[in-house]
């Protein structure tokens, strides 16, 4: 083994330790509202999520993942003013922490979640998602999520990838009206089936995916600054693990090896991303003031500027969502060797 390889491994090991130490230190910023973890079933799949003013989305979000078979939800509520905290505290399968500390200084919430994962998810399957992300996987219409995690366990696979697929309406975003409890795919049923670029991050071993409607509509002049779409949201957690950059990157870096480098296909899913509806207009305006997102909220600045032109993300190449089989045929996800 070369000296360069040894130094690289040493550096990554220390980076992971620093992330875990940050998570340990940042736990002081969290106040427990209600802890219902004592009765969690040993085989339960757990969801972890950070939220700010997401009250309108939460009823369907919880219903969706409950139907999928999720056993318990862990939420960090960050300075909401719309009743998010009160609503979540009333849910019988939710454990809730709250904080008014800086989301940005907590590495965009990942310090808080890394701490909760280490404490509550060790030896369990954990799914880390945002309130506007909906996991789909092969056979999700007939098999609960435990069927997937049981197969992953039997196959000695510790992490499961799901590319972020941006969903959008036909017509101006601000006219795509969403009602509480509604399936957001009724409002945002369209997606790009192509228009994606893939490169490899050699330091962490993961693929870096960009493109889709955000790249062509909001970052057309600087596509390299478009948001990353690669994610590894489902992991058989160990307390020594740490997310490095949202759920885009994990350490140890072997957890990022969720693709087949030899031309085959590994089983994968998608996260249907339902950001593009009327709620984004107010959210982008708020984030211009909060400035709590990555790179001084450059993504939300692009949204705010673009939304003033009332863009229509739909184009002649847009596809209307049907089911997971459609997305497999299009090559956006794969059942691999899970039959």
C-alpha atoms as a PDB file:
ATOM      1  CA  UNK A   1       0.000   0.000   0.000  1.00  0.00           C
ATOM      2  CA  UNK A   2       1.420   3.372  -1.027  1.00  0.00           C
ATOM      3  CA  UNK A   3       2.185   6.198   1.382  1.00  0.00           C
ATOM      4  CA  UNK A   4      -0.362   8.352  -0.451  1.00  0.00           C
ATOM      5  CA  UNK A   5      -3.088   5.785   0.172  1.00  0.00           C
ATOM      6  CA  UNK A   6      -2.152   5.506   3.840  1.00  0.00           C
ATOM      7  CA  UNK A   7      -2.250   9.282   4.274  1.00  0.00           C
ATOM      8  CA  UNK A   8      -5.590   9.479   2.489  1.00  0.00           C
ATOM      9  CA  UNK A   9      -7.121   6.847   4.763  1.00  0.00           C
ATOM     10  CA  UNK A  10      -5.683   8.566   7.816  1.00  0.00           C
ATOM     11  CA  UNK A  11      -7.185  11.875   6.691  1.00  0.00           C
ATOM     12  CA  UNK A  12     -10.621  10.369   6.131  1.00  0.00           C
ATOM     13  CA  UNK A  13     -10.502   8.656   9.517  1.00  0.00           C
ATOM     14  CA  UNK A  14      -9.793  11.965  11.226  1.00  0.00           C
ATOM     15  CA  UNK A  15     -12.482  13.706   9.217  1.00  0.00           C
ATOM     16  CA  UNK A  16     -15.015  11.146  10.439  1.00  0.00           C
ATOM     17  CA  UNK A  17     -13.863  11.580  14.030  1.00  0.00           C
ATOM     18  CA  UNK A  18     -14.239  15.342  13.725  1.00  0.00           C
ATOM     19  CA  UNK A  19     -17.796  14.913  12.433  1.00  0.00           C
ATOM     20  CA  UNK A  20     -18.672  12.620  15.307  1.00  0.00           C
ATOM     21  CA  UNK A  21     -17.134  15.056  17.804  1.00  0.00           C
ATOM     22  CA  UNK A  22     -19.130  17.935  16.284  1.00  0.00           C
ATOM     23  CA  UNK A  23     -22.297  15.868  16.644  1.00  0.00           C
ATOM     24  CA  UNK A  24     -21.469  15.135  20.291  1.00  0.00           C
ATOM     25  CA  UNK A  25     -20.831  18.827  20.982  1.00  0.00           C
ATOM     26  CA  UNK A  26     -23.899  20.065  19.099  1.00  0.00           C
ATOM     27  CA  UNK A  27     -26.262  17.833  21.084  1.00  0.00           C
ATOM     28  CA  UNK A  28     -26.301  20.618  23.696  1.00  0.00           C
ATOM     29  CA  UNK A  29     -28.244  22.741  21.200  1.00  0.00           C
ATOM     30  CA  UNK A  30     -31.151  20.272  21.177  1.00  0.00           C
ATOM     31  CA  UNK A  31     -33.979  20.240  23.701  1.00  0.00           C
ATOM     32  CA  UNK A  32     -36.113  17.125  23.865  1.00  0.00           C
ATOM     33  CA  UNK A  33     -39.809  17.872  23.469  1.00  0.00           C
ATOM     34  CA  UNK A  34     -40.927  14.263  23.701  1.00  0.00           C
ATOM     35  CA  UNK A  35     -39.021  10.980  23.626  1.00  0.00           C
ATOM     36  CA  UNK A  36     -41.065   7.923  22.676  1.00  0.00           C
ATOM     37  CA  UNK A  37     -38.113   5.694  21.806  1.00  0.00           C
ATOM     38  CA  UNK A  38     -38.617   3.171  24.614  1.00  0.00           C
ATOM     39  CA  UNK A  39     -41.239   1.175  22.736  1.00  0.00           C
ATOM     40  CA  UNK A  40     -39.585   0.971  19.315  1.00  0.00           C
ATOM     41  CA  UNK A  41     -39.577  -2.516  17.807  1.00  0.00           C
ATOM     42  CA  UNK A  42     -36.097  -3.951  17.293  1.00  0.00           C
ATOM     43  CA  UNK A  43     -36.650  -4.485  13.559  1.00  0.00           C
ATOM     44  CA  UNK A  44     -38.272  -1.103  12.929  1.00  0.00           C
ATOM     45  CA  UNK A  45     -36.952   1.112  10.150  1.00  0.00           C
ATOM     46  CA  UNK A  46     -36.433   4.628  11.497  1.00  0.00           C
ATOM     47  CA  UNK A  47     -36.868   7.979   9.717  1.00  0.00           C
ATOM     48  CA  UNK A  48     -34.728  11.001  10.664  1.00  0.00           C
ATOM     49  CA  UNK A  49     -35.652  14.493   9.477  1.00  0.00           C
ATOM     50  CA  UNK A  50     -34.905  18.159  10.218  1.00  0.00           C
ATOM     51  CA  UNK A  51     -37.770  20.577   9.632  1.00  0.00           C
ATOM     52  CA  UNK A  52     -38.414  24.312   9.604  1.00  0.00           C
ATOM     53  CA  UNK A  53     -41.972  25.564   8.957  1.00  0.00           C
ATOM     54  CA  UNK A  54     -43.153  22.359   7.241  1.00  0.00           C
ATOM     55  CA  UNK A  55     -46.573  22.030   8.915  1.00  0.00           C
ATOM     56  CA  UNK A  56     -48.467  21.894   5.607  1.00  0.00           C
ATOM     57  CA  UNK A  57     -46.392  18.940   4.364  1.00  0.00           C
ATOM     58  CA  UNK A  58     -46.268  16.801   7.484  1.00  0.00           C
ATOM     59  CA  UNK A  59     -49.656  14.980   7.422  1.00  0.00           C
ATOM     60  CA  UNK A  60     -48.993  13.345   4.051  1.00  0.00           C
ATOM     61  CA  UNK A  61     -45.294  12.834   4.785  1.00  0.00           C
ATOM     62  CA  UNK A  62     -46.120  10.816   7.908  1.00  0.00           C
ATOM     63  CA  UNK A  63     -48.949   8.930   6.192  1.00  0.00           C
ATOM     64  CA  UNK A  64     -46.706   8.009   3.256  1.00  0.00           C
ATOM     65  CA  UNK A  65     -43.916   6.542   5.366  1.00  0.00           C
ATOM     66  CA  UNK A  66     -46.297   4.867   7.791  1.00  0.00           C
ATOM     67  CA  UNK A  67     -47.892   3.051   4.850  1.00  0.00           C
ATOM     68  CA  UNK A  68     -44.416   2.029   3.746  1.00  0.00           C
ATOM     69  CA  UNK A  69     -43.871   0.388   7.130  1.00  0.00           C
ATOM     70  CA  UNK A  70     -41.627   2.878   8.936  1.00  0.00           C
ATOM     71  CA  UNK A  71     -41.690   2.145  12.653  1.00  0.00           C
ATOM     72  CA  UNK A  72     -40.694   5.463  14.224  1.00  0.00           C
ATOM     73  CA  UNK A  73     -39.854   9.063  13.297  1.00  0.00           C
ATOM     74  CA  UNK A  74     -37.112  11.273  14.745  1.00  0.00           C
ATOM     75  CA  UNK A  75     -37.543  14.982  14.071  1.00  0.00           C
ATOM     76  CA  UNK A  76     -35.392  18.007  14.831  1.00  0.00           C
ATOM     77  CA  UNK A  77     -37.585  21.111  14.650  1.00  0.00           C
ATOM     78  CA  UNK A  78     -35.609  24.293  13.995  1.00  0.00           C
ATOM     79  CA  UNK A  79     -37.243  27.619  14.914  1.00  0.00           C
ATOM     80  CA  UNK A  80     -40.609  27.007  13.247  1.00  0.00           C
ATOM     81  CA  UNK A  81     -43.433  29.507  13.626  1.00  0.00           C
ATOM     82  CA  UNK A  82     -46.239  27.676  11.788  1.00  0.00           C
ATOM     83  CA  UNK A  83     -47.226  25.025  14.345  1.00  0.00           C
ATOM     84  CA  UNK A  84     -44.782  22.362  13.154  1.00  0.00           C
ATOM     85  CA  UNK A  85     -43.540  21.632  16.680  1.00  0.00           C
ATOM     86  CA  UNK A  86     -46.994  21.332  18.207  1.00  0.00           C
ATOM     87  CA  UNK A  87     -48.259  19.072  15.422  1.00  0.00           C
ATOM     88  CA  UNK A  88     -45.306  16.684  15.644  1.00  0.00           C
ATOM     89  CA  UNK A  89     -45.477  16.514  19.440  1.00  0.00           C
ATOM     90  CA  UNK A  90     -49.004  15.096  19.159  1.00  0.00           C
ATOM     91  CA  UNK A  91     -48.010  12.212  16.851  1.00  0.00           C
ATOM     92  CA  UNK A  92     -47.775   8.864  18.715  1.00  0.00           C
ATOM     93  CA  UNK A  93     -44.864   7.478  16.641  1.00  0.00           C
ATOM     94  CA  UNK A  94     -42.717  10.632  16.722  1.00  0.00           C
ATOM     95  CA  UNK A  95     -39.834  11.556  19.005  1.00  0.00           C
ATOM     96  CA  UNK A  96     -39.097  15.259  18.795  1.00  0.00           C
ATOM     97  CA  UNK A  97     -36.220  17.589  19.566  1.00  0.00           C
ATOM     98  CA  UNK A  98     -36.242  21.347  19.077  1.00  0.00           C
ATOM     99  CA  UNK A  99     -33.600  24.024  18.664  1.00  0.00           C
ATOM    100  CA  UNK A 100     -33.352  27.694  17.765  1.00  0.00           C
ATOM    101  CA  UNK A 101     -29.630  27.379  16.995  1.00  0.00           C
ATOM    102  CA  UNK A 102     -28.157  28.049  13.572  1.00  0.00           C
ATOM    103  CA  UNK A 103     -29.015  25.418  10.972  1.00  0.00           C
ATOM    104  CA  UNK A 104     -26.034  26.585   8.928  1.00  0.00           C
ATOM    105  CA  UNK A 105     -23.557  26.286  11.802  1.00  0.00           C
ATOM    106  CA  UNK A 106     -24.836  22.768  12.478  1.00  0.00           C
ATOM    107  CA  UNK A 107     -23.657  21.811   8.984  1.00  0.00           C
ATOM    108  CA  UNK A 108     -27.194  22.313   7.668  1.00  0.00           C
ATOM    109  CA  UNK A 109     -28.690  20.110  10.362  1.00  0.00           C
ATOM    110  CA  UNK A 110     -26.399  17.118   9.839  1.00  0.00           C
ATOM    111  CA  UNK A 111     -24.572  17.628  13.150  1.00  0.00           C
ATOM    112  CA  UNK A 112     -27.891  17.256  14.953  1.00  0.00           C
ATOM    113  CA  UNK A 113     -28.939  14.214  12.944  1.00  0.00           C
ATOM    114  CA  UNK A 114     -25.537  12.528  13.213  1.00  0.00           C
ATOM    115  CA  UNK A 115     -25.876  12.785  16.983  1.00  0.00           C
ATOM    116  CA  UNK A 116     -29.380  11.307  17.029  1.00  0.00           C
ATOM    117  CA  UNK A 117     -28.357   8.556  14.614  1.00  0.00           C
ATOM    118  CA  UNK A 118     -25.413   7.599  16.794  1.00  0.00           C
ATOM    119  CA  UNK A 119     -27.568   7.484  19.904  1.00  0.00           C
ATOM    120  CA  UNK A 120     -30.760   5.884  18.582  1.00  0.00           C
ATOM    121  CA  UNK A 121     -30.040   4.094  15.281  1.00  0.00           C
ATOM    122  CA  UNK A 122     -27.018   1.915  16.098  1.00  0.00           C
ATOM    123  CA  UNK A 123     -27.635  -1.531  14.589  1.00  0.00           C
ATOM    124  CA  UNK A 124     -30.852  -0.412  12.857  1.00  0.00           C
ATOM    125  CA  UNK A 125     -31.833   0.699   9.380  1.00  0.00           C
ATOM    126  CA  UNK A 126     -32.191   4.485   9.251  1.00  0.00           C
ATOM    127  CA  UNK A 127     -33.719   6.573   6.468  1.00  0.00           C
ATOM    128  CA  UNK A 128     -32.666  10.243   6.417  1.00  0.00           C
ATOM    129  CA  UNK A 129     -34.939  12.432   4.285  1.00  0.00           C
ATOM    130  CA  UNK A 130     -36.341  15.943   4.032  1.00  0.00           C
ATOM    131  CA  UNK A 131     -40.061  16.651   4.379  1.00  0.00           C
ATOM    132  CA  UNK A 132     -40.397  17.072   0.602  1.00  0.00           C
ATOM    133  CA  UNK A 133     -38.645  13.766  -0.284  1.00  0.00           C
ATOM    134  CA  UNK A 134     -40.478  10.489  -0.871  1.00  0.00           C
ATOM    135  CA  UNK A 135     -38.510   7.265  -1.233  1.00  0.00           C
ATOM    136  CA  UNK A 136     -39.502   4.757  -3.874  1.00  0.00           C
ATOM    137  CA  UNK A 137     -37.705   1.458  -4.427  1.00  0.00           C
ATOM    138  CA  UNK A 138     -38.278  -1.693  -6.505  1.00  0.00           C
ATOM    139  CA  UNK A 139     -41.616  -3.352  -5.651  1.00  0.00           C
ATOM    140  CA  UNK A 140     -42.531  -0.517  -3.253  1.00  0.00           C
ATOM    141  CA  UNK A 141     -46.141  -0.857  -4.400  1.00  0.00           C
ATOM    142  CA  UNK A 142     -46.347  -4.424  -3.045  1.00  0.00           C
ATOM    143  CA  UNK A 143     -43.521  -4.835  -0.505  1.00  0.00           C
ATOM    144  CA  UNK A 144     -42.990  -2.873   2.733  1.00  0.00           C
ATOM    145  CA  UNK A 145     -39.664  -1.268   3.458  1.00  0.00           C
ATOM    146  CA  UNK A 146     -38.744  -4.112   5.830  1.00  0.00           C
ATOM    147  CA  UNK A 147     -38.769  -6.464   2.832  1.00  0.00           C
ATOM    148  CA  UNK A 148     -36.104  -4.261   1.265  1.00  0.00           C
ATOM    149  CA  UNK A 149     -33.983  -4.013   4.415  1.00  0.00           C
ATOM    150  CA  UNK A 150     -34.294  -7.776   5.068  1.00  0.00           C
ATOM    151  CA  UNK A 151     -32.985  -8.425   1.554  1.00  0.00           C
ATOM    152  CA  UNK A 152     -30.174  -5.905   2.048  1.00  0.00           C
ATOM    153  CA  UNK A 153     -29.230  -7.638   5.312  1.00  0.00           C
ATOM    154  CA  UNK A 154     -29.266 -11.053   3.658  1.00  0.00           C
ATOM    155  CA  UNK A 155     -27.073  -9.680   0.863  1.00  0.00           C
ATOM    156  CA  UNK A 156     -24.629  -8.057   3.336  1.00  0.00           C
ATOM    157  CA  UNK A 157     -25.380  -4.605   1.867  1.00  0.00           C
ATOM    158  CA  UNK A 158     -25.157  -1.752   4.386  1.00  0.00           C
ATOM    159  CA  UNK A 159     -26.295   1.236   2.327  1.00  0.00           C
ATOM    160  CA  UNK A 160     -28.888   1.930  -0.351  1.00  0.00           C
ATOM    161  CA  UNK A 161     -28.755   4.730  -2.909  1.00  0.00           C
ATOM    162  CA  UNK A 162     -31.635   6.852  -4.197  1.00  0.00           C
ATOM    163  CA  UNK A 163     -31.060   9.645  -6.692  1.00  0.00           C
ATOM    164  CA  UNK A 164     -33.067  12.786  -6.087  1.00  0.00           C
ATOM    165  CA  UNK A 165     -35.650  13.154  -8.866  1.00  0.00           C
ATOM    166  CA  UNK A 166     -37.105  16.661  -9.072  1.00  0.00           C
ATOM    167  CA  UNK A 167     -40.865  16.628  -9.658  1.00  0.00           C
ATOM    168  CA  UNK A 168     -42.653  19.683 -11.020  1.00  0.00           C
ATOM    169  CA  UNK A 169     -46.019  20.950 -12.281  1.00  0.00           C
ATOM    170  CA  UNK A 170     -47.050  21.956 -15.771  1.00  0.00           C
ATOM    171  CA  UNK A 171     -47.393  25.707 -15.717  1.00  0.00           C
ATOM    172  CA  UNK A 172     -45.985  28.387 -13.392  1.00  0.00           C
ATOM    173  CA  UNK A 173     -44.801  27.081 -10.028  1.00  0.00           C
ATOM    174  CA  UNK A 174     -46.761  29.664  -8.043  1.00  0.00           C
ATOM    175  CA  UNK A 175     -50.035  28.377  -9.537  1.00  0.00           C
ATOM    176  CA  UNK A 176     -49.375  24.790  -8.385  1.00  0.00           C
ATOM    177  CA  UNK A 177     -51.519  25.049  -5.263  1.00  0.00           C
ATOM    178  CA  UNK A 178     -50.982  22.415  -2.579  1.00  0.00           C
ATOM    179  CA  UNK A 179     -53.441  21.603   0.219  1.00  0.00           C
ATOM    180  CA  UNK A 180     -52.511  20.050   3.543  1.00  0.00           C
ATOM    181  CA  UNK A 181     -52.847  16.264   3.463  1.00  0.00           C
ATOM    182  CA  UNK A 182     -52.783  16.086  -0.323  1.00  0.00           C
ATOM    183  CA  UNK A 183     -50.408  13.791  -2.212  1.00  0.00           C
ATOM    184  CA  UNK A 184     -47.845  16.289  -3.602  1.00  0.00           C
ATOM    185  CA  UNK A 185     -47.470  14.171  -6.749  1.00  0.00           C
ATOM    186  CA  UNK A 186     -50.970  15.279  -7.694  1.00  0.00           C
ATOM    187  CA  UNK A 187     -49.544  18.803  -7.919  1.00  0.00           C
ATOM    188  CA  UNK A 188     -46.055  17.958  -9.214  1.00  0.00           C
ATOM    189  CA  UNK A 189     -46.383  14.850 -11.437  1.00  0.00           C
ATOM    190  CA  UNK A 190     -43.716  15.653 -14.081  1.00  0.00           C
ATOM    191  CA  UNK A 191     -39.970  14.915 -14.192  1.00  0.00           C
ATOM    192  CA  UNK A 192     -36.936  14.928 -16.504  1.00  0.00           C
ATOM    193  CA  UNK A 193     -36.003  11.467 -17.745  1.00  0.00           C
ATOM    194  CA  UNK A 194     -32.629  12.625 -19.093  1.00  0.00           C
ATOM    195  CA  UNK A 195     -30.434  15.711 -18.829  1.00  0.00           C
ATOM    196  CA  UNK A 196     -28.150  14.311 -16.079  1.00  0.00           C
ATOM    197  CA  UNK A 197     -24.375  14.365 -15.739  1.00  0.00           C
ATOM    198  CA  UNK A 198     -22.387  11.915 -13.623  1.00  0.00           C
ATOM    199  CA  UNK A 199     -18.820  12.175 -12.354  1.00  0.00           C
ATOM    200  CA  UNK A 200     -16.896  10.400  -9.641  1.00  0.00           C
ATOM    201  CA  UNK A 201     -15.681  11.984  -6.428  1.00  0.00           C
ATOM    202  CA  UNK A 202     -12.368  10.216  -5.961  1.00  0.00           C
ATOM    203  CA  UNK A 203     -11.858  11.319  -2.355  1.00  0.00           C
ATOM    204  CA  UNK A 204     -15.088   9.804  -1.059  1.00  0.00           C
ATOM    205  CA  UNK A 205     -15.731   7.206  -3.762  1.00  0.00           C
ATOM    206  CA  UNK A 206     -19.258   8.380  -4.532  1.00  0.00           C
ATOM    207  CA  UNK A 207     -20.855   9.426  -7.787  1.00  0.00           C
ATOM    208  CA  UNK A 208     -21.723  13.115  -8.208  1.00  0.00           C
ATOM    209  CA  UNK A 209     -24.958  13.607 -10.164  1.00  0.00           C
ATOM    210  CA  UNK A 210     -26.334  16.933 -11.398  1.00  0.00           C
ATOM    211  CA  UNK A 211     -28.941  18.042 -13.890  1.00  0.00           C
ATOM    212  CA  UNK A 212     -32.696  17.864 -14.263  1.00  0.00           C
ATOM    213  CA  UNK A 213     -35.065  20.845 -14.204  1.00  0.00           C
ATOM    214  CA  UNK A 214     -33.112  22.805 -11.600  1.00  0.00           C
ATOM    215  CA  UNK A 215     -29.965  22.760 -13.708  1.00  0.00           C
ATOM    216  CA  UNK A 216     -31.719  23.846 -16.911  1.00  0.00           C
ATOM    217  CA  UNK A 217     -34.098  26.415 -15.364  1.00  0.00           C
ATOM    218  CA  UNK A 218     -32.163  27.988 -12.484  1.00  0.00           C
ATOM    219  CA  UNK A 219     -28.487  27.212 -13.185  1.00  0.00           C
ATOM    220  CA  UNK A 220     -28.328  27.226 -16.985  1.00  0.00           C
ATOM    221  CA  UNK A 221     -25.447  29.713 -16.990  1.00  0.00           C
ATOM    222  CA  UNK A 222     -23.448  27.816 -14.343  1.00  0.00           C
ATOM    223  CA  UNK A 223     -24.577  24.146 -14.402  1.00  0.00           C
ATOM    224  CA  UNK A 224     -21.594  23.151 -12.266  1.00  0.00           C
ATOM    225  CA  UNK A 225     -23.301  24.983  -9.369  1.00  0.00           C
ATOM    226  CA  UNK A 226     -26.552  23.061  -9.726  1.00  0.00           C
ATOM    227  CA  UNK A 227     -27.538  21.032  -6.650  1.00  0.00           C
ATOM    228  CA  UNK A 228     -26.194  17.503  -6.277  1.00  0.00           C
ATOM    229  CA  UNK A 229     -28.769  14.761  -6.836  1.00  0.00           C
ATOM    230  CA  UNK A 230     -26.821  11.730  -5.570  1.00  0.00           C
ATOM    231  CA  UNK A 231     -27.963  10.500  -2.160  1.00  0.00           C
ATOM    232  CA  UNK A 232     -27.454   7.525   0.134  1.00  0.00           C
ATOM    233  CA  UNK A 233     -30.434   7.992   2.462  1.00  0.00           C
ATOM    234  CA  UNK A 234     -30.931   4.426   3.773  1.00  0.00           C
ATOM    235  CA  UNK A 235     -28.153   2.940   5.920  1.00  0.00           C
ATOM    236  CA  UNK A 236     -27.747   0.091   8.395  1.00  0.00           C
ATOM    237  CA  UNK A 237     -26.374   2.495  10.942  1.00  0.00           C
ATOM    238  CA  UNK A 238     -23.366   2.076  13.191  1.00  0.00           C
ATOM    239  CA  UNK A 239     -22.438   4.641  15.818  1.00  0.00           C
ATOM    240  CA  UNK A 240     -19.038   5.087  14.165  1.00  0.00           C
ATOM    241  CA  UNK A 241     -20.606   6.337  10.897  1.00  0.00           C
ATOM    242  CA  UNK A 242     -21.146   9.968   9.943  1.00  0.00           C
ATOM    243  CA  UNK A 243     -22.782  11.887   7.137  1.00  0.00           C
ATOM    244  CA  UNK A 244     -20.352  14.444   5.717  1.00  0.00           C
ATOM    245  CA  UNK A 245     -22.449  16.489   3.290  1.00  0.00           C
ATOM    246  CA  UNK A 246     -26.207  16.128   3.738  1.00  0.00           C
ATOM    247  CA  UNK A 247     -26.951  12.557   2.636  1.00  0.00           C
ATOM    248  CA  UNK A 248     -24.739  12.956  -0.438  1.00  0.00           C
ATOM    249  CA  UNK A 249     -21.624  11.605   1.270  1.00  0.00           C
ATOM    250  CA  UNK A 250     -20.884   9.183   4.112  1.00  0.00           C
ATOM    251  CA  UNK A 251     -17.880   7.952   6.007  1.00  0.00           C
ATOM    252  CA  UNK A 252     -16.521   5.286   6.011  1.00  0.00           C
ATOM    253  CA  UNK A 253     -16.373   5.826   2.270  1.00  0.00           C
ATOM    254  CA  UNK A 254     -17.193   2.212   1.483  1.00  0.00           C
ATOM    255  CA  UNK A 255     -20.811   3.138   2.248  1.00  0.00           C
ATOM    256  CA  UNK A 256     -20.752   5.409  -0.821  1.00  0.00           C
ATOM    257  CA  UNK A 257     -19.973   2.479  -3.129  1.00  0.00           C
ATOM    258  CA  UNK A 258     -23.582   2.011  -4.205  1.00  0.00           C
ATOM    259  CA  UNK A 259     -22.949   1.547  -7.919  1.00  0.00           C
ATOM    260  CA  UNK A 260     -21.380  -1.200 -10.047  1.00  0.00           C
ATOM    261  CA  UNK A 261     -18.102  -0.084 -11.583  1.00  0.00           C
ATOM    262  CA  UNK A 262     -18.016  -3.073 -13.942  1.00  0.00           C
ATOM    263  CA  UNK A 263     -21.044  -2.256 -16.046  1.00  0.00           C
ATOM    264  CA  UNK A 264     -23.721  -4.072 -14.076  1.00  0.00           C
ATOM    265  CA  UNK A 265     -26.545  -2.609 -12.008  1.00  0.00           C
ATOM    266  CA  UNK A 266     -26.900  -2.488  -8.259  1.00  0.00           C
ATOM    267  CA  UNK A 267     -30.347  -2.256  -6.703  1.00  0.00           C
ATOM    268  CA  UNK A 268     -31.291   1.377  -6.218  1.00  0.00           C
ATOM    269  CA  UNK A 269     -34.258   3.653  -5.628  1.00  0.00           C
ATOM    270  CA  UNK A 270     -35.249   7.272  -6.049  1.00  0.00           C
ATOM    271  CA  UNK A 271     -36.259  10.148  -3.835  1.00  0.00           C
ATOM    272  CA  UNK A 272     -39.176  11.950  -5.461  1.00  0.00           C
ATOM    273  CA  UNK A 273     -38.465  15.593  -4.657  1.00  0.00           C
ATOM    274  CA  UNK A 274     -41.639  17.669  -4.468  1.00  0.00           C
ATOM    275  CA  UNK A 275     -40.209  21.130  -3.796  1.00  0.00           C
ATOM    276  CA  UNK A 276     -41.693  22.874  -6.846  1.00  0.00           C
ATOM    277  CA  UNK A 277     -45.151  24.040  -5.798  1.00  0.00           C
ATOM    278  CA  UNK A 278     -46.595  27.316  -4.566  1.00  0.00           C
ATOM    279  CA  UNK A 279     -44.984  26.967  -1.122  1.00  0.00           C
ATOM    280  CA  UNK A 280     -41.548  27.468  -2.693  1.00  0.00           C
ATOM    281  CA  UNK A 281     -42.339  31.112  -3.449  1.00  0.00           C
ATOM    282  CA  UNK A 282     -42.663  32.079   0.222  1.00  0.00           C
ATOM    283  CA  UNK A 283     -39.872  29.713   1.271  1.00  0.00           C
ATOM    284  CA  UNK A 284     -37.348  31.195  -1.149  1.00  0.00           C
ATOM    285  CA  UNK A 285     -38.236  34.700   0.056  1.00  0.00           C
ATOM    286  CA  UNK A 286     -37.746  33.654   3.707  1.00  0.00           C
ATOM    287  CA  UNK A 287     -34.434  31.983   2.971  1.00  0.00           C
ATOM    288  CA  UNK A 288     -33.158  35.188   1.410  1.00  0.00           C
ATOM    289  CA  UNK A 289     -33.413  36.641   4.917  1.00  0.00           C
ATOM    290  CA  UNK A 290     -32.445  33.569   6.970  1.00  0.00           C
ATOM    291  CA  UNK A 291     -29.410  32.664   4.823  1.00  0.00           C
ATOM    292  CA  UNK A 292     -29.156  29.313   6.578  1.00  0.00           C
ATOM    293  CA  UNK A 293     -28.529  27.120   3.549  1.00  0.00           C
ATOM    294  CA  UNK A 294     -25.411  25.957   1.739  1.00  0.00           C
ATOM    295  CA  UNK A 295     -23.037  28.505   0.124  1.00  0.00           C
ATOM    296  CA  UNK A 296     -24.838  31.533   1.562  1.00  0.00           C
ATOM    297  CA  UNK A 297     -28.156  30.129   0.267  1.00  0.00           C
ATOM    298  CA  UNK A 298     -27.038  30.469  -3.371  1.00  0.00           C
ATOM    299  CA  UNK A 299     -29.569  27.790  -4.354  1.00  0.00           C
ATOM    300  CA  UNK A 300     -32.476  29.742  -2.856  1.00  0.00           C
ATOM    301  CA  UNK A 301     -31.161  32.964  -4.315  1.00  0.00           C
ATOM    302  CA  UNK A 302     -31.340  31.298  -7.726  1.00  0.00           C
ATOM    303  CA  UNK A 303     -34.906  30.174  -6.977  1.00  0.00           C
ATOM    304  CA  UNK A 304     -35.954  33.618  -5.769  1.00  0.00           C
ATOM    305  CA  UNK A 305     -34.528  35.303  -8.840  1.00  0.00           C
ATOM    306  CA  UNK A 306     -35.950  32.699 -11.219  1.00  0.00           C
ATOM    307  CA  UNK A 307     -39.400  32.607  -9.652  1.00  0.00           C
ATOM    308  CA  UNK A 308     -39.860  36.300 -10.346  1.00  0.00           C
ATOM    309  CA  UNK A 309     -40.097  35.306 -14.032  1.00  0.00           C
ATOM    310  CA  UNK A 310     -42.847  32.745 -13.263  1.00  0.00           C
ATOM    311  CA  UNK A 311     -40.982  29.870 -14.941  1.00  0.00           C
ATOM    312  CA  UNK A 312     -42.681  26.789 -16.352  1.00  0.00           C
ATOM    313  CA  UNK A 313     -40.369  23.801 -15.793  1.00  0.00           C
ATOM    314  CA  UNK A 314     -42.409  21.623 -18.131  1.00  0.00           C
ATOM    315  CA  UNK A 315     -40.990  20.985 -21.601  1.00  0.00           C
ATOM    316  CA  UNK A 316     -41.655  18.646 -24.538  1.00  0.00           C
ATOM    317  CA  UNK A 317     -39.255  16.085 -23.057  1.00  0.00           C
ATOM    318  CA  UNK A 318     -41.024  15.986 -19.670  1.00  0.00           C
ATOM    319  CA  UNK A 319     -42.382  12.647 -18.467  1.00  0.00           C
ATOM    320  CA  UNK A 320     -45.466  12.168 -16.297  1.00  0.00           C
ATOM    321  CA  UNK A 321     -44.897   9.887 -13.312  1.00  0.00           C
ATOM    322  CA  UNK A 322     -46.703   6.542 -13.320  1.00  0.00           C
ATOM    323  CA  UNK A 323     -44.868   4.128 -11.020  1.00  0.00           C
ATOM    324  CA  UNK A 324     -41.466   2.689 -10.115  1.00  0.00           C
ATOM    325  CA  UNK A 325     -41.480   0.282 -13.068  1.00  0.00           C
ATOM    326  CA  UNK A 326     -41.642   3.232 -15.462  1.00  0.00           C
ATOM    327  CA  UNK A 327     -38.575   4.734 -13.769  1.00  0.00           C
ATOM    328  CA  UNK A 328     -36.675   1.466 -14.004  1.00  0.00           C
ATOM    329  CA  UNK A 329     -37.440   1.234 -17.730  1.00  0.00           C
ATOM    330  CA  UNK A 330     -36.098   4.775 -18.119  1.00  0.00           C
ATOM    331  CA  UNK A 331     -32.885   3.730 -16.369  1.00  0.00           C
ATOM    332  CA  UNK A 332     -33.294   6.020 -13.354  1.00  0.00           C
ATOM    333  CA  UNK A 333     -33.425   3.173 -10.814  1.00  0.00           C
ATOM    334  CA  UNK A 334     -32.838  -0.563 -10.807  1.00  0.00           C
ATOM    335  CA  UNK A 335     -34.086  -3.685  -9.078  1.00  0.00           C
ATOM    336  CA  UNK A 336     -30.683  -5.260  -9.718  1.00  0.00           C
ATOM    337  CA  UNK A 337     -30.735  -8.857  -8.579  1.00  0.00           C
ATOM    338  CA  UNK A 338     -33.600  -8.374  -6.102  1.00  0.00           C
ATOM    339  CA  UNK A 339     -36.425 -10.415  -7.589  1.00  0.00           C
END
